Amino acid sequence: MIVGAYYSHLNGYEYLAYNKPEILEEIQAVIALVDASKCRNKVSREKTKMGRLLYSPEDMNKFFKQLLKDRGWQEKRTAYYCVDDASLTHQIALLPPDQQKAAIEAAGRNPILSYTQTDFLKDRTAVEVQFGKYSFVAFDLFVKHMGFYVSRQIDVGIEILPMKSLLNEMSSGPSYYERELQHVIRQGRGNPPVPLVMFGVEP
């Protein structure tokens, strides 16, 4: 695959290029190693694409997962506690999990354990490969990357998305780079408040 376009949010690309060029080079190398032709094996049952041979999101994800795992990228979870009190949540949101729990219990409330998970993390950089439903991309950008950044586990997040040209040869449902680029830019320069790099990929 190739990078059709990329977007640097809050200088995420520049940060990697200057501070961690090996990470940037590795991601670009992984993208180049994904053989999209081997993933074009899904016979469409959709009305508008009936019988066409499409790219399989699952197979493309498997390619990326294996290539990244081979290079030391690992899944990571970060825990946090929730409570139904907005004021209390404001007070504890940036605290470590043990302090969150203690503060909730001290207020006489019930702490609810939850977590945020990122698929790939290495050298304080998180990567999400998103060929799934369009709603998952917003969750990646505004919840996953944000959560790991606020908890000081990453310095930058990377989101890998299909370009519209690739999506045209996939089943309906996933989002695409151009759409998500518009969503991020219309939020304004500082939102989400985490450095990001969005890569749009195509065969």
N, C-alpha and C. Protein backbone atom coordinates (compact mmCIF):
# COMPACT_ATOMS: atom_id res chain seq x y z
N MET A 1 0.85 -1.18 0.00
CA MET A 1 0.00 0.00 0.00
C MET A 1 0.89 1.24 0.00
N ILE A 2 0.28 2.36 -0.31
CA ILE A 2 1.02 3.62 -0.29
C ILE A 2 0.25 4.64 0.54
N VAL A 3 0.95 5.68 0.98
CA VAL A 3 0.31 6.80 1.65
C VAL A 3 -0.20 7.75 0.59
N GLY A 4 -1.52 7.90 0.51
CA GLY A 4 -2.10 8.80 -0.46
C GLY A 4 -2.09 10.24 0.02
N ALA A 5 -2.19 10.42 1.35
CA ALA A 5 -2.18 11.75 1.94
C ALA A 5 -1.95 11.59 3.45
N TYR A 6 -1.49 12.66 4.08
CA TYR A 6 -1.39 12.65 5.54
C TYR A 6 -1.68 14.04 6.07
N TYR A 7 -2.09 14.08 7.34
CA TYR A 7 -2.38 15.35 7.99
C TYR A 7 -1.71 15.37 9.36
N SER A 8 -1.04 16.47 9.65
CA SER A 8 -0.37 16.65 10.93
C SER A 8 -1.19 17.59 11.80
N HIS A 9 -1.72 17.06 12.89
CA HIS A 9 -2.52 17.84 13.83
C HIS A 9 -1.67 18.20 15.04
N LEU A 10 -1.62 19.48 15.37
CA LEU A 10 -0.78 19.98 16.47
C LEU A 10 0.67 19.51 16.31
N ASN A 11 1.15 19.54 15.08
CA ASN A 11 2.55 19.22 14.76
C ASN A 11 2.95 17.79 15.13
N GLY A 12 1.98 16.88 15.04
CA GLY A 12 2.30 15.48 15.36
C GLY A 12 3.35 14.90 14.42
N TYR A 13 3.22 15.16 13.14
CA TYR A 13 4.18 14.64 12.16
C TYR A 13 5.56 15.24 12.39
N GLU A 14 5.59 16.55 12.60
CA GLU A 14 6.87 17.24 12.81
C GLU A 14 7.55 16.75 14.10
N TYR A 15 6.73 16.48 15.12
CA TYR A 15 7.29 15.96 16.37
C TYR A 15 8.00 14.63 16.13
N LEU A 16 7.34 13.74 15.41
CA LEU A 16 7.95 12.44 15.12
C LEU A 16 9.17 12.58 14.22
N ALA A 17 9.06 13.41 13.21
CA ALA A 17 10.17 13.58 12.27
C ALA A 17 11.42 14.09 12.97
N TYR A 18 11.25 14.94 13.97
CA TYR A 18 12.40 15.53 14.67
C TYR A 18 12.86 14.66 15.84
N ASN A 19 11.91 14.16 16.64
CA ASN A 19 12.26 13.44 17.86
C ASN A 19 12.34 11.93 17.71
N LYS A 20 11.53 11.37 16.81
CA LYS A 20 11.48 9.91 16.66
C LYS A 20 11.37 9.52 15.19
N PRO A 21 12.36 9.90 14.40
CA PRO A 21 12.27 9.60 12.95
C PRO A 21 12.17 8.11 12.67
N GLU A 22 12.74 7.28 13.56
CA GLU A 22 12.69 5.83 13.34
C GLU A 22 11.26 5.30 13.45
N ILE A 23 10.44 5.91 14.31
CA ILE A 23 9.04 5.51 14.44
C ILE A 23 8.28 5.87 13.16
N LEU A 24 8.49 7.07 12.69
CA LEU A 24 7.84 7.52 11.47
C LEU A 24 8.23 6.66 10.28
N GLU A 25 9.51 6.36 10.17
CA GLU A 25 9.99 5.51 9.08
C GLU A 25 9.42 4.10 9.18
N GLU A 26 9.30 3.60 10.40
CA GLU A 26 8.77 2.25 10.59
C GLU A 26 7.31 2.15 10.17
N ILE A 27 6.51 3.14 10.53
CA ILE A 27 5.10 3.14 10.14
C ILE A 27 4.96 3.22 8.63
N GLN A 28 5.75 4.06 8.02
CA GLN A 28 5.70 4.19 6.56
C GLN A 28 6.17 2.89 5.88
N ALA A 29 7.14 2.22 6.48
CA ALA A 29 7.62 0.95 5.94
C ALA A 29 6.55 -0.13 6.07
N VAL A 30 5.85 -0.16 7.19
CA VAL A 30 4.77 -1.14 7.40
C VAL A 30 3.66 -0.93 6.37
N ILE A 31 3.27 0.32 6.15
CA ILE A 31 2.24 0.60 5.16
C ILE A 31 2.68 0.08 3.79
N ALA A 32 3.95 0.30 3.44
CA ALA A 32 4.46 -0.13 2.14
C ALA A 32 4.49 -1.65 2.00
N LEU A 33 4.59 -2.36 3.13
CA LEU A 33 4.68 -3.82 3.10
C LEU A 33 3.32 -4.51 3.04
N VAL A 34 2.25 -3.78 3.30
CA VAL A 34 0.91 -4.39 3.26
C VAL A 34 0.53 -4.62 1.79
N ASP A 35 0.36 -5.88 1.44
CA ASP A 35 0.04 -6.26 0.06
C ASP A 35 -1.48 -6.28 -0.10
N ALA A 36 -2.02 -5.16 -0.56
CA ALA A 36 -3.47 -5.04 -0.69
C ALA A 36 -4.05 -6.04 -1.67
N SER A 37 -3.27 -6.44 -2.67
CA SER A 37 -3.79 -7.37 -3.68
C SER A 37 -4.20 -8.71 -3.07
N LYS A 38 -3.51 -9.10 -1.99
CA LYS A 38 -3.84 -10.36 -1.32
C LYS A 38 -5.10 -10.24 -0.46
N CYS A 39 -5.57 -9.01 -0.28
CA CYS A 39 -6.77 -8.77 0.54
C CYS A 39 -8.01 -8.55 -0.30
N ARG A 40 -7.86 -8.59 -1.61
CA ARG A 40 -9.02 -8.39 -2.48
C ARG A 40 -9.66 -9.75 -2.75
N ASN A 41 -10.42 -10.21 -1.77
CA ASN A 41 -10.96 -11.57 -1.82
C ASN A 41 -12.38 -11.67 -1.27
N LYS A 42 -13.03 -10.56 -1.10
CA LYS A 42 -14.38 -10.55 -0.52
C LYS A 42 -15.41 -10.31 -1.63
N VAL A 43 -16.26 -11.29 -1.86
CA VAL A 43 -17.31 -11.16 -2.88
C VAL A 43 -18.48 -10.39 -2.27
N SER A 44 -18.81 -9.26 -2.87
CA SER A 44 -19.84 -8.38 -2.32
C SER A 44 -21.24 -8.97 -2.47
N ARG A 45 -22.04 -8.75 -1.41
CA ARG A 45 -23.46 -9.10 -1.46
C ARG A 45 -24.33 -7.85 -1.40
N GLU A 46 -23.68 -6.69 -1.44
CA GLU A 46 -24.42 -5.44 -1.40
C GLU A 46 -25.12 -5.19 -2.73
N LYS A 47 -26.26 -4.55 -2.65
CA LYS A 47 -27.08 -4.33 -3.84
C LYS A 47 -26.33 -3.56 -4.92
N THR A 48 -25.58 -2.53 -4.50
CA THR A 48 -24.89 -1.68 -5.48
C THR A 48 -23.56 -2.24 -5.95
N LYS A 49 -23.07 -3.31 -5.25
CA LYS A 49 -21.77 -3.88 -5.62
C LYS A 49 -21.85 -5.40 -5.76
N MET A 50 -23.04 -5.90 -6.01
CA MET A 50 -23.29 -7.34 -6.04
C MET A 50 -22.30 -8.07 -6.95
N GLY A 51 -21.62 -9.07 -6.37
CA GLY A 51 -20.73 -9.93 -7.12
C GLY A 51 -19.33 -9.38 -7.34
N ARG A 52 -19.09 -8.12 -6.98
CA ARG A 52 -17.77 -7.54 -7.18
C ARG A 52 -16.79 -8.06 -6.14
N LEU A 53 -15.55 -8.19 -6.55
CA LEU A 53 -14.49 -8.63 -5.64
C LEU A 53 -13.92 -7.40 -4.95
N LEU A 54 -14.09 -7.34 -3.63
CA LEU A 54 -13.71 -6.16 -2.85
C LEU A 54 -12.55 -6.47 -1.91
N TYR A 55 -11.95 -5.39 -1.39
CA TYR A 55 -10.90 -5.54 -0.38
C TYR A 55 -11.53 -5.89 0.96
N SER A 56 -10.94 -6.85 1.65
CA SER A 56 -11.45 -7.29 2.95
C SER A 56 -10.82 -6.47 4.07
N PRO A 57 -11.62 -5.72 4.84
CA PRO A 57 -11.08 -4.95 5.98
C PRO A 57 -10.37 -5.84 6.99
N GLU A 58 -10.95 -7.03 7.24
CA GLU A 58 -10.37 -7.95 8.21
C GLU A 58 -8.97 -8.39 7.78
N ASP A 59 -8.81 -8.70 6.51
CA ASP A 59 -7.50 -9.17 6.03
C ASP A 59 -6.47 -8.05 6.02
N MET A 60 -6.91 -6.83 5.68
CA MET A 60 -5.97 -5.70 5.73
C MET A 60 -5.54 -5.42 7.16
N ASN A 61 -6.49 -5.52 8.10
CA ASN A 61 -6.15 -5.34 9.51
C ASN A 61 -5.15 -6.40 9.98
N LYS A 62 -5.35 -7.64 9.53
CA LYS A 62 -4.44 -8.73 9.92
C LYS A 62 -3.03 -8.46 9.43
N PHE A 63 -2.90 -7.95 8.21
CA PHE A 63 -1.60 -7.60 7.66
C PHE A 63 -0.91 -6.58 8.56
N PHE A 64 -1.61 -5.50 8.86
CA PHE A 64 -1.04 -4.44 9.69
C PHE A 64 -0.68 -4.97 11.08
N LYS A 65 -1.59 -5.75 11.66
CA LYS A 65 -1.36 -6.27 13.02
C LYS A 65 -0.10 -7.11 13.09
N GLN A 66 0.07 -8.01 12.14
CA GLN A 66 1.24 -8.88 12.16
C GLN A 66 2.53 -8.09 11.94
N LEU A 67 2.51 -7.19 10.99
CA LEU A 67 3.70 -6.40 10.69
C LEU A 67 4.11 -5.52 11.87
N LEU A 68 3.12 -4.95 12.55
CA LEU A 68 3.43 -4.10 13.70
C LEU A 68 3.88 -4.94 14.90
N LYS A 69 3.22 -6.06 15.13
CA LYS A 69 3.64 -6.94 16.24
C LYS A 69 5.06 -7.44 16.03
N ASP A 70 5.41 -7.76 14.79
CA ASP A 70 6.76 -8.23 14.49
C ASP A 70 7.81 -7.18 14.82
N ARG A 71 7.39 -5.92 14.89
CA ARG A 71 8.32 -4.82 15.15
C ARG A 71 8.20 -4.29 16.57
N GLY A 72 7.52 -5.05 17.43
CA GLY A 72 7.49 -4.71 18.85
C GLY A 72 6.35 -3.82 19.30
N TRP A 73 5.38 -3.56 18.42
CA TRP A 73 4.23 -2.77 18.84
C TRP A 73 3.27 -3.67 19.61
N GLN A 74 2.77 -3.19 20.75
CA GLN A 74 1.95 -4.02 21.62
C GLN A 74 0.65 -3.32 22.02
N GLU A 75 -0.38 -4.14 22.26
CA GLU A 75 -1.64 -3.63 22.77
C GLU A 75 -1.43 -3.09 24.17
N LYS A 76 -2.15 -2.01 24.51
CA LYS A 76 -2.00 -1.41 25.83
C LYS A 76 -3.35 -0.94 26.35
N ARG A 77 -3.60 -1.20 27.63
CA ARG A 77 -4.81 -0.71 28.28
C ARG A 77 -4.44 0.26 29.39
N THR A 78 -5.26 1.28 29.56
CA THR A 78 -5.09 2.18 30.70
C THR A 78 -6.41 2.25 31.45
N ALA A 79 -6.37 2.00 32.75
CA ALA A 79 -7.58 1.93 33.57
C ALA A 79 -7.93 3.31 34.13
N TYR A 80 -9.22 3.48 34.42
CA TYR A 80 -9.70 4.69 35.09
C TYR A 80 -11.01 4.35 35.78
N TYR A 81 -11.44 5.23 36.68
CA TYR A 81 -12.68 5.01 37.42
C TYR A 81 -13.72 6.07 37.05
N CYS A 82 -14.97 5.61 36.94
CA CYS A 82 -16.09 6.49 36.58
C CYS A 82 -17.02 6.64 37.78
N VAL A 83 -17.77 7.73 37.75
CA VAL A 83 -18.80 7.96 38.77
C VAL A 83 -19.88 8.82 38.13
N ASP A 84 -21.10 8.80 38.68
CA ASP A 84 -22.21 9.51 38.07
C ASP A 84 -22.31 10.98 38.48
N ASP A 85 -21.30 11.51 39.14
CA ASP A 85 -21.30 12.88 39.62
C ASP A 85 -20.36 13.71 38.75
N ALA A 86 -20.90 14.69 38.02
CA ALA A 86 -20.10 15.49 37.09
C ALA A 86 -19.04 16.31 37.80
N SER A 87 -19.39 16.91 38.92
CA SER A 87 -18.43 17.73 39.67
C SER A 87 -17.25 16.89 40.16
N LEU A 88 -17.55 15.73 40.68
CA LEU A 88 -16.51 14.83 41.17
C LEU A 88 -15.65 14.32 40.00
N THR A 89 -16.28 14.04 38.88
CA THR A 89 -15.54 13.59 37.70
C THR A 89 -14.55 14.65 37.25
N HIS A 90 -14.94 15.92 37.27
CA HIS A 90 -14.03 17.01 36.93
C HIS A 90 -12.81 17.02 37.85
N GLN A 91 -13.04 16.74 39.11
CA GLN A 91 -11.95 16.78 40.10
C GLN A 91 -10.94 15.65 39.91
N ILE A 92 -11.41 14.49 39.49
CA ILE A 92 -10.55 13.30 39.47
C ILE A 92 -10.05 12.90 38.09
N ALA A 93 -10.55 13.54 37.03
CA ALA A 93 -10.30 13.06 35.67
C ALA A 93 -8.82 12.88 35.35
N LEU A 94 -7.95 13.74 35.87
CA LEU A 94 -6.53 13.68 35.53
C LEU A 94 -5.68 12.98 36.59
N LEU A 95 -6.33 12.42 37.60
CA LEU A 95 -5.60 11.72 38.65
C LEU A 95 -5.27 10.28 38.24
N PRO A 96 -4.25 9.67 38.84
CA PRO A 96 -3.99 8.24 38.61
C PRO A 96 -5.18 7.41 39.10
N PRO A 97 -5.37 6.19 38.55
CA PRO A 97 -6.54 5.38 38.89
C PRO A 97 -6.74 5.13 40.39
N ASP A 98 -5.67 4.85 41.11
CA ASP A 98 -5.83 4.57 42.55
C ASP A 98 -6.35 5.80 43.30
N GLN A 99 -5.90 6.98 42.89
CA GLN A 99 -6.38 8.21 43.52
C GLN A 99 -7.81 8.53 43.10
N GLN A 100 -8.16 8.20 41.87
CA GLN A 100 -9.54 8.37 41.42
C GLN A 100 -10.49 7.54 42.29
N LYS A 101 -10.11 6.28 42.47
CA LYS A 101 -10.94 5.37 43.27
C LYS A 101 -11.08 5.86 44.70
N ALA A 102 -9.97 6.28 45.28
CA ALA A 102 -9.99 6.74 46.67
C ALA A 102 -10.87 7.98 46.82
N ALA A 103 -10.78 8.89 45.86
CA ALA A 103 -11.56 10.13 45.93
C ALA A 103 -13.06 9.84 45.80
N ILE A 104 -13.41 8.91 44.94
CA ILE A 104 -14.82 8.55 44.76
C ILE A 104 -15.36 7.90 46.03
N GLU A 105 -14.59 6.98 46.61
CA GLU A 105 -15.02 6.30 47.84
C GLU A 105 -15.10 7.28 49.00
N ALA A 106 -14.17 8.24 49.05
CA ALA A 106 -14.18 9.24 50.12
C ALA A 106 -15.42 10.13 50.03
N ALA A 107 -15.94 10.27 48.81
CA ALA A 107 -17.15 11.08 48.62
C ALA A 107 -18.41 10.25 48.85
N GLY A 108 -18.24 8.98 49.24
CA GLY A 108 -19.37 8.12 49.52
C GLY A 108 -20.07 7.60 48.28
N ARG A 109 -19.35 7.59 47.16
CA ARG A 109 -19.94 7.12 45.91
C ARG A 109 -19.31 5.79 45.50
N ASN A 110 -19.90 5.17 44.48
CA ASN A 110 -19.44 3.87 44.02
C ASN A 110 -18.52 4.02 42.81
N PRO A 111 -17.23 3.66 42.93
CA PRO A 111 -16.32 3.77 41.78
C PRO A 111 -16.55 2.64 40.77
N ILE A 112 -16.63 2.99 39.50
CA ILE A 112 -16.85 2.01 38.44
C ILE A 112 -15.57 1.92 37.61
N LEU A 113 -14.96 0.74 37.60
CA LEU A 113 -13.71 0.54 36.87
C LEU A 113 -13.98 0.41 35.38
N SER A 114 -13.21 1.16 34.58
CA SER A 114 -13.29 1.06 33.14
C SER A 114 -11.87 1.19 32.57
N TYR A 115 -11.75 1.15 31.26
CA TYR A 115 -10.42 1.25 30.66
C TYR A 115 -10.52 1.75 29.22
N THR A 116 -9.41 2.28 28.74
CA THR A 116 -9.25 2.62 27.34
C THR A 116 -8.14 1.74 26.79
N GLN A 117 -8.33 1.25 25.58
CA GLN A 117 -7.37 0.33 24.98
C GLN A 117 -6.90 0.87 23.63
N THR A 118 -5.61 0.77 23.39
CA THR A 118 -5.09 1.10 22.07
C THR A 118 -4.47 -0.16 21.47
N ASP A 119 -4.61 -0.32 20.17
CA ASP A 119 -4.16 -1.56 19.52
C ASP A 119 -2.64 -1.71 19.52
N PHE A 120 -1.94 -0.59 19.30
CA PHE A 120 -0.48 -0.67 19.16
C PHE A 120 0.18 0.52 19.84
N LEU A 121 1.14 0.21 20.72
CA LEU A 121 1.87 1.27 21.41
C LEU A 121 3.35 0.90 21.47
N LYS A 122 4.18 1.91 21.19
CA LYS A 122 5.62 1.71 21.23
C LYS A 122 6.29 3.07 21.34
N ASP A 123 7.25 3.18 22.24
CA ASP A 123 8.04 4.40 22.38
C ASP A 123 7.15 5.64 22.47
N ARG A 124 6.14 5.55 23.33
CA ARG A 124 5.23 6.67 23.62
C ARG A 124 4.48 7.17 22.38
N THR A 125 4.21 6.22 21.47
CA THR A 125 3.44 6.51 20.27
C THR A 125 2.36 5.45 20.13
N ALA A 126 1.11 5.88 19.91
CA ALA A 126 0.00 4.94 19.75
C ALA A 126 -0.44 4.92 18.29
N VAL A 127 -0.78 3.73 17.81
CA VAL A 127 -1.25 3.57 16.43
C VAL A 127 -2.59 2.85 16.43
N GLU A 128 -3.54 3.41 15.69
CA GLU A 128 -4.82 2.74 15.45
C GLU A 128 -4.98 2.57 13.94
N VAL A 129 -5.26 1.34 13.53
CA VAL A 129 -5.53 1.04 12.12
C VAL A 129 -7.04 0.86 12.01
N GLN A 130 -7.70 1.77 11.28
CA GLN A 130 -9.15 1.78 11.32
C GLN A 130 -9.79 1.55 9.95
N PHE A 131 -10.15 0.27 9.72
CA PHE A 131 -10.91 -0.09 8.54
C PHE A 131 -12.32 -0.54 8.93
N GLY A 132 -12.69 -0.24 10.18
CA GLY A 132 -14.00 -0.65 10.68
C GLY A 132 -15.05 0.43 10.49
N LYS A 133 -16.11 0.37 11.26
CA LYS A 133 -17.23 1.30 11.14
C LYS A 133 -16.78 2.74 11.37
N TYR A 134 -17.44 3.67 10.69
CA TYR A 134 -17.03 5.08 10.72
C TYR A 134 -17.05 5.67 12.13
N SER A 135 -17.95 5.19 12.98
CA SER A 135 -18.05 5.75 14.33
C SER A 135 -16.81 5.46 15.17
N PHE A 136 -16.06 4.39 14.82
CA PHE A 136 -14.89 4.03 15.60
C PHE A 136 -13.77 5.05 15.46
N VAL A 137 -13.72 5.77 14.35
CA VAL A 137 -12.64 6.72 14.12
C VAL A 137 -12.72 7.87 15.13
N ALA A 138 -13.91 8.42 15.32
CA ALA A 138 -14.08 9.50 16.29
C ALA A 138 -13.70 9.03 17.69
N PHE A 139 -14.04 7.79 18.02
CA PHE A 139 -13.67 7.24 19.32
C PHE A 139 -12.16 7.15 19.45
N ASP A 140 -11.48 6.73 18.38
CA ASP A 140 -10.01 6.67 18.39
C ASP A 140 -9.42 8.04 18.66
N LEU A 141 -9.86 9.03 17.88
CA LEU A 141 -9.25 10.35 17.92
C LEU A 141 -9.58 11.11 19.20
N PHE A 142 -10.83 11.06 19.62
CA PHE A 142 -11.27 11.90 20.72
C PHE A 142 -11.33 11.19 22.07
N VAL A 143 -11.16 9.87 22.08
CA VAL A 143 -11.18 9.14 23.35
C VAL A 143 -9.89 8.34 23.55
N LYS A 144 -9.56 7.45 22.63
CA LYS A 144 -8.39 6.59 22.82
C LYS A 144 -7.09 7.39 22.86
N HIS A 145 -6.76 8.07 21.77
CA HIS A 145 -5.51 8.83 21.74
C HIS A 145 -5.50 9.89 22.84
N MET A 146 -6.65 10.52 23.03
CA MET A 146 -6.76 11.55 24.06
C MET A 146 -6.49 10.99 25.44
N GLY A 147 -7.08 9.81 25.74
CA GLY A 147 -6.90 9.20 27.06
C GLY A 147 -5.46 8.85 27.35
N PHE A 148 -4.77 8.31 26.38
CA PHE A 148 -3.38 7.94 26.58
C PHE A 148 -2.47 9.16 26.66
N TYR A 149 -2.86 10.23 25.96
CA TYR A 149 -2.07 11.46 26.01
C TYR A 149 -2.24 12.16 27.35
N VAL A 150 -3.47 12.26 27.83
CA VAL A 150 -3.76 12.91 29.11
C VAL A 150 -3.10 12.16 30.26
N SER A 151 -3.06 10.82 30.14
CA SER A 151 -2.42 10.02 31.20
C SER A 151 -0.91 9.93 31.01
N ARG A 152 -0.39 10.70 30.05
CA ARG A 152 1.06 10.85 29.82
C ARG A 152 1.75 9.55 29.43
N GLN A 153 1.02 8.71 28.70
CA GLN A 153 1.62 7.47 28.22
C GLN A 153 2.08 7.58 26.77
N ILE A 154 1.57 8.59 26.06
CA ILE A 154 2.01 8.82 24.68
C ILE A 154 2.28 10.31 24.47
N ASP A 155 3.07 10.59 23.45
CA ASP A 155 3.33 11.97 23.03
C ASP A 155 2.60 12.30 21.74
N VAL A 156 2.23 11.28 20.99
CA VAL A 156 1.55 11.48 19.71
C VAL A 156 0.75 10.22 19.35
N GLY A 157 -0.35 10.42 18.64
CA GLY A 157 -1.15 9.29 18.16
C GLY A 157 -1.16 9.26 16.64
N ILE A 158 -1.23 8.05 16.09
CA ILE A 158 -1.27 7.87 14.64
C ILE A 158 -2.53 7.11 14.28
N GLU A 159 -3.26 7.63 13.29
CA GLU A 159 -4.49 6.99 12.81
C GLU A 159 -4.30 6.64 11.33
N ILE A 160 -4.47 5.36 10.99
CA ILE A 160 -4.33 4.91 9.61
C ILE A 160 -5.71 4.58 9.06
N LEU A 161 -6.08 5.26 7.97
CA LEU A 161 -7.42 5.17 7.40
C LEU A 161 -7.36 4.90 5.90
N PRO A 162 -8.40 4.29 5.34
CA PRO A 162 -8.44 4.14 3.88
C PRO A 162 -8.76 5.47 3.21
N MET A 163 -8.15 5.73 2.06
CA MET A 163 -8.55 6.85 1.24
C MET A 163 -9.90 6.51 0.61
N LYS A 164 -10.61 7.51 0.11
CA LYS A 164 -11.90 7.27 -0.54
C LYS A 164 -11.74 6.34 -1.74
N SER A 165 -10.61 6.44 -2.43
CA SER A 165 -10.37 5.57 -3.58
C SER A 165 -10.32 4.10 -3.18
N LEU A 166 -9.80 3.80 -1.98
CA LEU A 166 -9.79 2.44 -1.47
C LEU A 166 -11.18 2.04 -0.97
N LEU A 167 -11.83 2.96 -0.27
CA LEU A 167 -13.16 2.68 0.26
C LEU A 167 -14.14 2.32 -0.85
N ASN A 168 -13.97 2.91 -2.02
CA ASN A 168 -14.86 2.61 -3.15
C ASN A 168 -14.79 1.14 -3.56
N GLU A 169 -13.70 0.48 -3.18
CA GLU A 169 -13.51 -0.93 -3.50
C GLU A 169 -13.63 -1.80 -2.25
N MET A 170 -14.35 -1.28 -1.23
CA MET A 170 -14.62 -2.02 0.01
C MET A 170 -16.12 -2.02 0.25
N SER A 171 -16.55 -2.83 1.22
CA SER A 171 -17.96 -2.82 1.62
C SER A 171 -18.31 -1.47 2.25
N SER A 172 -19.58 -1.13 2.24
CA SER A 172 -20.04 0.10 2.88
C SER A 172 -19.89 -0.01 4.40
N GLY A 173 -19.69 1.13 5.05
CA GLY A 173 -19.62 1.13 6.51
C GLY A 173 -18.43 1.85 7.07
N PRO A 174 -17.19 1.51 6.62
CA PRO A 174 -16.02 2.20 7.16
C PRO A 174 -15.99 3.67 6.74
N SER A 175 -15.24 4.45 7.51
CA SER A 175 -15.03 5.84 7.14
C SER A 175 -13.82 5.92 6.22
N TYR A 176 -13.43 7.13 5.88
CA TYR A 176 -12.29 7.31 4.99
C TYR A 176 -11.56 8.60 5.35
N TYR A 177 -10.32 8.67 4.91
CA TYR A 177 -9.41 9.75 5.30
C TYR A 177 -9.99 11.13 5.04
N GLU A 178 -10.48 11.37 3.84
CA GLU A 178 -10.95 12.71 3.47
C GLU A 178 -12.09 13.17 4.38
N ARG A 179 -12.97 12.25 4.73
CA ARG A 179 -14.11 12.58 5.61
C ARG A 179 -13.63 12.94 7.01
N GLU A 180 -12.73 12.12 7.56
CA GLU A 180 -12.25 12.36 8.92
C GLU A 180 -11.36 13.60 8.99
N LEU A 181 -10.65 13.89 7.90
CA LEU A 181 -9.86 15.11 7.85
C LEU A 181 -10.78 16.32 8.01
N GLN A 182 -11.89 16.30 7.32
CA GLN A 182 -12.84 17.41 7.42
C GLN A 182 -13.40 17.52 8.84
N HIS A 183 -13.69 16.39 9.44
CA HIS A 183 -14.23 16.39 10.81
C HIS A 183 -13.24 16.99 11.80
N VAL A 184 -11.97 16.63 11.67
CA VAL A 184 -10.96 17.15 12.60
C VAL A 184 -10.74 18.64 12.39
N ILE A 185 -10.59 19.06 11.15
CA ILE A 185 -10.29 20.47 10.87
C ILE A 185 -11.43 21.38 11.29
N ARG A 186 -12.67 20.95 11.11
CA ARG A 186 -13.78 21.83 11.47
C ARG A 186 -13.96 21.97 12.98
N GLN A 187 -13.26 21.15 13.78
CA GLN A 187 -13.29 21.29 15.23
C GLN A 187 -12.44 22.47 15.69
N GLY A 188 -11.54 22.94 14.82
CA GLY A 188 -10.63 24.01 15.20
C GLY A 188 -9.23 23.47 15.45
N ARG A 189 -8.27 24.36 15.48
CA ARG A 189 -6.87 23.97 15.55
C ARG A 189 -6.51 23.18 16.81
N GLY A 190 -7.18 23.45 17.91
CA GLY A 190 -6.76 22.84 19.17
C GLY A 190 -7.57 21.65 19.63
N ASN A 191 -8.44 21.13 18.80
CA ASN A 191 -9.32 20.04 19.22
C ASN A 191 -9.28 18.89 18.21
N PRO A 192 -8.98 17.66 18.61
CA PRO A 192 -8.67 17.24 19.98
C PRO A 192 -7.29 17.75 20.42
N PRO A 193 -7.12 18.03 21.70
CA PRO A 193 -5.87 18.60 22.18
C PRO A 193 -4.78 17.55 22.39
N VAL A 194 -4.46 16.83 21.32
CA VAL A 194 -3.42 15.80 21.35
C VAL A 194 -2.76 15.79 19.97
N PRO A 195 -1.42 15.79 19.90
CA PRO A 195 -0.75 15.72 18.58
C PRO A 195 -1.08 14.42 17.88
N LEU A 196 -1.46 14.53 16.61
CA LEU A 196 -1.87 13.36 15.82
C LEU A 196 -1.27 13.40 14.44
N VAL A 197 -1.14 12.21 13.86
CA VAL A 197 -0.84 12.10 12.44
C VAL A 197 -1.89 11.17 11.84
N MET A 198 -2.60 11.67 10.83
CA MET A 198 -3.57 10.85 10.11
C MET A 198 -2.98 10.46 8.77
N PHE A 199 -2.90 9.16 8.52
CA PHE A 199 -2.41 8.66 7.22
C PHE A 199 -3.58 8.09 6.43
N GLY A 200 -3.73 8.53 5.20
CA GLY A 200 -4.70 7.94 4.29
C GLY A 200 -3.97 6.98 3.37
N VAL A 201 -4.40 5.72 3.33
CA VAL A 201 -3.68 4.71 2.55
C VAL A 201 -4.54 4.19 1.40
N GLU A 202 -3.86 3.73 0.35
CA GLU A 202 -4.55 3.17 -0.81
C GLU A 202 -3.63 2.14 -1.47
N PRO A 203 -4.19 1.28 -2.31
CA PRO A 203 -3.35 0.26 -2.97
C PRO A 203 -2.30 0.90 -3.87
